[in-house]
């Protein structure tokens, strides 16, 4: 099986840049897990039906990593990362 390529959206890149180093390392680990098993995230419904979300803890806080998959070209788009608070509201914008 060929690994999926991972691309960052501009939103994800902006959010990632603001993360503290230890949180960024946990995000990196989550991205590595998703790259190996893209279907592991929970698929959302409604407006966000194309979004999958992987949840993980960092610094005793729940973080979410939102991404979409293009199976045909084996591509993962990282859409957003951050604490649970306002995550879904912000990603709809």
N, C-alpha and C. Protein backbone atom coordinates (compact mmCIF):
# COMPACT_ATOMS: atom_id res chain seq x y z
N UNK A 1 0.83 -1.19 0.00
CA UNK A 1 0.00 0.00 0.00
C UNK A 1 0.87 1.25 0.00
N UNK A 2 0.54 2.16 -0.87
CA UNK A 2 1.29 3.41 -0.95
C UNK A 2 0.78 4.40 0.09
N UNK A 3 1.68 5.10 0.72
CA UNK A 3 1.27 6.08 1.73
C UNK A 3 0.60 7.26 1.04
N UNK A 4 -0.32 7.87 1.75
CA UNK A 4 -0.99 9.06 1.23
C UNK A 4 -0.06 10.26 1.39
N UNK A 5 -0.14 11.17 0.43
CA UNK A 5 0.58 12.44 0.57
C UNK A 5 -0.27 13.35 1.45
N UNK A 6 0.39 14.22 2.20
CA UNK A 6 -0.32 15.11 3.13
C UNK A 6 -0.05 16.56 2.73
N UNK A 7 -1.11 17.32 2.54
CA UNK A 7 -1.00 18.74 2.24
C UNK A 7 -1.70 19.55 3.32
N UNK A 8 -1.19 20.74 3.58
CA UNK A 8 -1.79 21.62 4.59
C UNK A 8 -2.61 22.70 3.89
N UNK A 9 -3.79 22.98 4.44
CA UNK A 9 -4.54 24.15 3.98
C UNK A 9 -3.87 25.38 4.60
N UNK A 10 -4.20 26.55 4.07
CA UNK A 10 -3.63 27.77 4.66
C UNK A 10 -4.10 27.94 6.10
N UNK A 11 -5.37 27.59 6.35
CA UNK A 11 -5.89 27.69 7.71
C UNK A 11 -5.09 26.81 8.65
N UNK A 12 -4.86 25.55 8.25
CA UNK A 12 -4.11 24.63 9.10
C UNK A 12 -2.71 25.18 9.37
N UNK A 13 -2.05 25.66 8.33
CA UNK A 13 -0.68 26.17 8.48
C UNK A 13 -0.64 27.34 9.47
N UNK A 14 -1.65 28.22 9.39
CA UNK A 14 -1.72 29.36 10.33
C UNK A 14 -1.91 28.87 11.76
N UNK A 15 -2.84 27.91 11.93
CA UNK A 15 -3.11 27.40 13.28
C UNK A 15 -1.88 26.67 13.82
N UNK A 16 -1.24 25.90 12.96
CA UNK A 16 -0.09 25.10 13.37
C UNK A 16 1.04 26.00 13.86
N UNK A 17 1.24 27.10 13.15
CA UNK A 17 2.32 28.03 13.49
C UNK A 17 2.15 28.60 14.90
N UNK A 18 0.89 28.71 15.34
CA UNK A 18 0.61 29.31 16.66
C UNK A 18 0.72 28.31 17.80
N UNK A 19 0.84 27.02 17.49
CA UNK A 19 0.88 26.00 18.54
C UNK A 19 2.20 26.03 19.28
N UNK A 20 2.15 25.71 20.56
CA UNK A 20 3.39 25.55 21.33
C UNK A 20 4.10 24.30 20.82
N UNK A 21 5.41 24.24 21.01
CA UNK A 21 6.22 23.14 20.47
C UNK A 21 5.73 21.76 20.87
N UNK A 22 5.40 21.58 22.16
CA UNK A 22 5.01 20.24 22.61
C UNK A 22 3.65 19.84 22.01
N UNK A 23 2.76 20.81 21.81
CA UNK A 23 1.48 20.51 21.16
C UNK A 23 1.71 20.21 19.68
N UNK A 24 2.60 20.98 19.04
CA UNK A 24 2.91 20.75 17.63
C UNK A 24 3.46 19.34 17.43
N UNK A 25 4.27 18.87 18.37
CA UNK A 25 4.81 17.50 18.26
C UNK A 25 3.68 16.47 18.31
N UNK A 26 2.68 16.72 19.18
CA UNK A 26 1.54 15.80 19.25
C UNK A 26 0.71 15.86 17.97
N UNK A 27 0.59 17.05 17.38
CA UNK A 27 -0.11 17.18 16.10
C UNK A 27 0.66 16.41 15.02
N UNK A 28 1.98 16.54 15.02
CA UNK A 28 2.80 15.81 14.04
C UNK A 28 2.57 14.31 14.16
N UNK A 29 2.52 13.81 15.41
CA UNK A 29 2.30 12.38 15.63
C UNK A 29 0.93 11.97 15.12
N UNK A 30 -0.08 12.82 15.35
CA UNK A 30 -1.44 12.53 14.87
C UNK A 30 -1.47 12.50 13.34
N UNK A 31 -0.76 13.44 12.71
CA UNK A 31 -0.69 13.49 11.24
C UNK A 31 -0.04 12.21 10.70
N UNK A 32 1.03 11.76 11.35
CA UNK A 32 1.69 10.52 10.93
C UNK A 32 0.72 9.34 11.01
N UNK A 33 -0.07 9.29 12.08
CA UNK A 33 -1.04 8.19 12.24
C UNK A 33 -2.09 8.24 11.13
N UNK A 34 -2.56 9.43 10.81
CA UNK A 34 -3.57 9.59 9.76
C UNK A 34 -2.99 9.21 8.40
N UNK A 35 -1.73 9.58 8.14
CA UNK A 35 -1.11 9.26 6.86
C UNK A 35 -1.04 7.74 6.66
N UNK A 36 -0.85 7.01 7.75
CA UNK A 36 -0.78 5.55 7.65
C UNK A 36 -2.16 4.91 7.58
N UNK A 37 -3.16 5.55 8.18
CA UNK A 37 -4.52 4.99 8.21
C UNK A 37 -5.53 6.13 8.04
N UNK A 38 -5.72 6.61 6.80
CA UNK A 38 -6.55 7.80 6.56
C UNK A 38 -7.99 7.66 7.03
N UNK A 39 -8.50 6.43 7.12
CA UNK A 39 -9.89 6.25 7.49
C UNK A 39 -10.14 6.26 8.98
N UNK A 40 -9.11 6.53 9.79
CA UNK A 40 -9.26 6.42 11.24
C UNK A 40 -10.10 7.54 11.85
N UNK A 41 -10.22 8.66 11.16
CA UNK A 41 -10.98 9.77 11.71
C UNK A 41 -12.48 9.51 11.70
N UNK A 42 -13.20 10.29 12.47
CA UNK A 42 -14.65 10.17 12.54
C UNK A 42 -15.25 11.10 11.48
N UNK A 43 -16.07 10.53 10.59
CA UNK A 43 -16.69 11.35 9.54
C UNK A 43 -17.82 12.18 10.13
N UNK A 44 -17.84 13.46 9.77
CA UNK A 44 -18.87 14.36 10.28
C UNK A 44 -20.11 14.29 9.37
N UNK A 45 -21.17 14.95 9.82
CA UNK A 45 -22.43 14.94 9.07
C UNK A 45 -22.82 16.35 8.66
N UNK A 46 -23.82 16.46 7.80
CA UNK A 46 -24.36 17.76 7.43
C UNK A 46 -23.37 18.59 6.62
N UNK A 47 -23.22 19.86 7.03
CA UNK A 47 -22.34 20.80 6.32
C UNK A 47 -20.92 20.28 6.20
N UNK A 48 -20.51 19.49 7.19
CA UNK A 48 -19.11 19.04 7.25
C UNK A 48 -18.96 17.58 6.85
N UNK A 49 -19.85 17.09 5.97
CA UNK A 49 -19.88 15.66 5.63
C UNK A 49 -18.58 15.18 4.99
N UNK A 50 -17.82 16.06 4.36
CA UNK A 50 -16.57 15.62 3.73
C UNK A 50 -15.39 15.64 4.71
N UNK A 51 -15.65 16.09 5.93
CA UNK A 51 -14.57 16.25 6.92
C UNK A 51 -14.45 15.02 7.83
N UNK A 52 -13.23 14.59 8.06
CA UNK A 52 -12.96 13.58 9.07
C UNK A 52 -12.21 14.27 10.20
N UNK A 53 -12.48 13.83 11.43
CA UNK A 53 -11.83 14.45 12.59
C UNK A 53 -11.17 13.37 13.43
N UNK A 54 -9.89 13.59 13.71
CA UNK A 54 -9.14 12.71 14.61
C UNK A 54 -8.96 13.46 15.92
N UNK A 55 -9.33 12.82 17.03
CA UNK A 55 -9.21 13.47 18.34
C UNK A 55 -8.01 12.89 19.08
N UNK A 56 -7.29 13.76 19.77
CA UNK A 56 -6.14 13.31 20.57
C UNK A 56 -5.94 14.30 21.71
N UNK A 57 -5.20 13.87 22.71
CA UNK A 57 -4.94 14.74 23.86
C UNK A 57 -3.51 15.27 23.81
N UNK A 58 -3.37 16.51 24.22
CA UNK A 58 -2.07 17.14 24.34
C UNK A 58 -2.16 18.12 25.51
N UNK A 59 -1.21 18.06 26.41
CA UNK A 59 -1.21 18.96 27.57
C UNK A 59 -2.53 18.88 28.33
N UNK A 60 -3.04 17.68 28.52
CA UNK A 60 -4.29 17.44 29.24
C UNK A 60 -5.48 18.17 28.64
N UNK A 61 -5.43 18.41 27.34
CA UNK A 61 -6.55 19.06 26.66
C UNK A 61 -6.87 18.27 25.40
N UNK A 62 -8.16 18.21 25.07
CA UNK A 62 -8.57 17.51 23.87
C UNK A 62 -8.33 18.39 22.65
N UNK A 63 -7.62 17.85 21.67
CA UNK A 63 -7.38 18.55 20.41
C UNK A 63 -8.04 17.79 19.29
N UNK A 64 -8.44 18.53 18.25
CA UNK A 64 -9.05 17.92 17.09
C UNK A 64 -8.22 18.27 15.86
N UNK A 65 -8.11 17.31 14.97
CA UNK A 65 -7.40 17.50 13.71
C UNK A 65 -8.40 17.16 12.61
N UNK A 66 -8.80 18.17 11.86
CA UNK A 66 -9.78 17.96 10.80
C UNK A 66 -9.07 17.81 9.46
N UNK A 67 -9.55 16.84 8.65
CA UNK A 67 -8.91 16.62 7.36
C UNK A 67 -9.91 16.03 6.37
N UNK A 68 -9.57 16.16 5.09
CA UNK A 68 -10.36 15.53 4.04
C UNK A 68 -9.43 14.61 3.26
N UNK A 69 -10.02 13.64 2.57
CA UNK A 69 -9.23 12.65 1.84
C UNK A 69 -9.67 12.64 0.38
N UNK A 70 -8.69 12.56 -0.52
CA UNK A 70 -8.96 12.29 -1.93
C UNK A 70 -8.34 10.94 -2.23
N UNK A 71 -9.17 9.90 -2.16
CA UNK A 71 -8.66 8.54 -2.36
C UNK A 71 -8.07 8.34 -3.76
N UNK A 72 -8.69 8.94 -4.77
CA UNK A 72 -8.27 8.71 -6.16
C UNK A 72 -6.80 9.08 -6.36
N UNK A 73 -6.36 10.15 -5.70
CA UNK A 73 -4.96 10.58 -5.85
C UNK A 73 -4.18 10.37 -4.57
N UNK A 74 -4.75 9.64 -3.62
CA UNK A 74 -4.11 9.33 -2.34
C UNK A 74 -3.53 10.58 -1.68
N UNK A 75 -4.44 11.48 -1.39
CA UNK A 75 -4.05 12.76 -0.84
C UNK A 75 -4.87 13.06 0.41
N UNK A 76 -4.22 13.56 1.44
CA UNK A 76 -4.89 14.00 2.66
C UNK A 76 -4.69 15.50 2.78
N UNK A 77 -5.79 16.24 2.90
CA UNK A 77 -5.72 17.69 3.11
C UNK A 77 -5.96 17.97 4.59
N UNK A 78 -4.97 18.53 5.27
CA UNK A 78 -5.14 18.93 6.66
C UNK A 78 -5.89 20.26 6.66
N UNK A 79 -7.08 20.27 7.25
CA UNK A 79 -7.92 21.47 7.19
C UNK A 79 -7.79 22.35 8.41
N UNK A 80 -7.69 21.74 9.59
CA UNK A 80 -7.65 22.55 10.83
C UNK A 80 -7.14 21.69 11.97
N UNK A 81 -6.54 22.37 12.96
CA UNK A 81 -6.10 21.69 14.18
C UNK A 81 -6.27 22.67 15.33
N UNK A 82 -6.71 22.16 16.47
CA UNK A 82 -6.83 23.04 17.61
C UNK A 82 -7.66 22.40 18.70
N UNK A 83 -7.82 23.11 19.80
CA UNK A 83 -8.62 22.59 20.90
C UNK A 83 -10.08 22.46 20.47
N UNK A 84 -10.82 21.65 21.18
CA UNK A 84 -12.21 21.37 20.82
C UNK A 84 -13.07 22.63 20.79
N UNK A 85 -12.78 23.55 21.70
CA UNK A 85 -13.60 24.76 21.83
C UNK A 85 -13.68 25.52 20.51
N UNK A 86 -14.88 25.74 20.02
CA UNK A 86 -15.16 26.50 18.79
C UNK A 86 -14.58 25.87 17.52
N UNK A 87 -14.07 24.64 17.59
CA UNK A 87 -13.43 24.01 16.43
C UNK A 87 -14.39 23.93 15.24
N UNK A 88 -15.58 23.39 15.48
CA UNK A 88 -16.52 23.19 14.38
C UNK A 88 -17.09 24.51 13.88
N UNK A 89 -17.34 25.42 14.80
CA UNK A 89 -17.85 26.74 14.37
C UNK A 89 -16.83 27.40 13.45
N UNK A 90 -15.56 27.38 13.84
CA UNK A 90 -14.52 28.05 13.07
C UNK A 90 -14.29 27.39 11.71
N UNK A 91 -14.39 26.07 11.66
CA UNK A 91 -14.08 25.38 10.41
C UNK A 91 -15.17 25.59 9.37
N UNK A 92 -16.36 25.96 9.80
CA UNK A 92 -17.45 26.19 8.83
C UNK A 92 -17.25 27.50 8.09
N UNK A 93 -16.39 28.37 8.61
CA UNK A 93 -16.17 29.67 7.96
C UNK A 93 -15.35 29.52 6.71
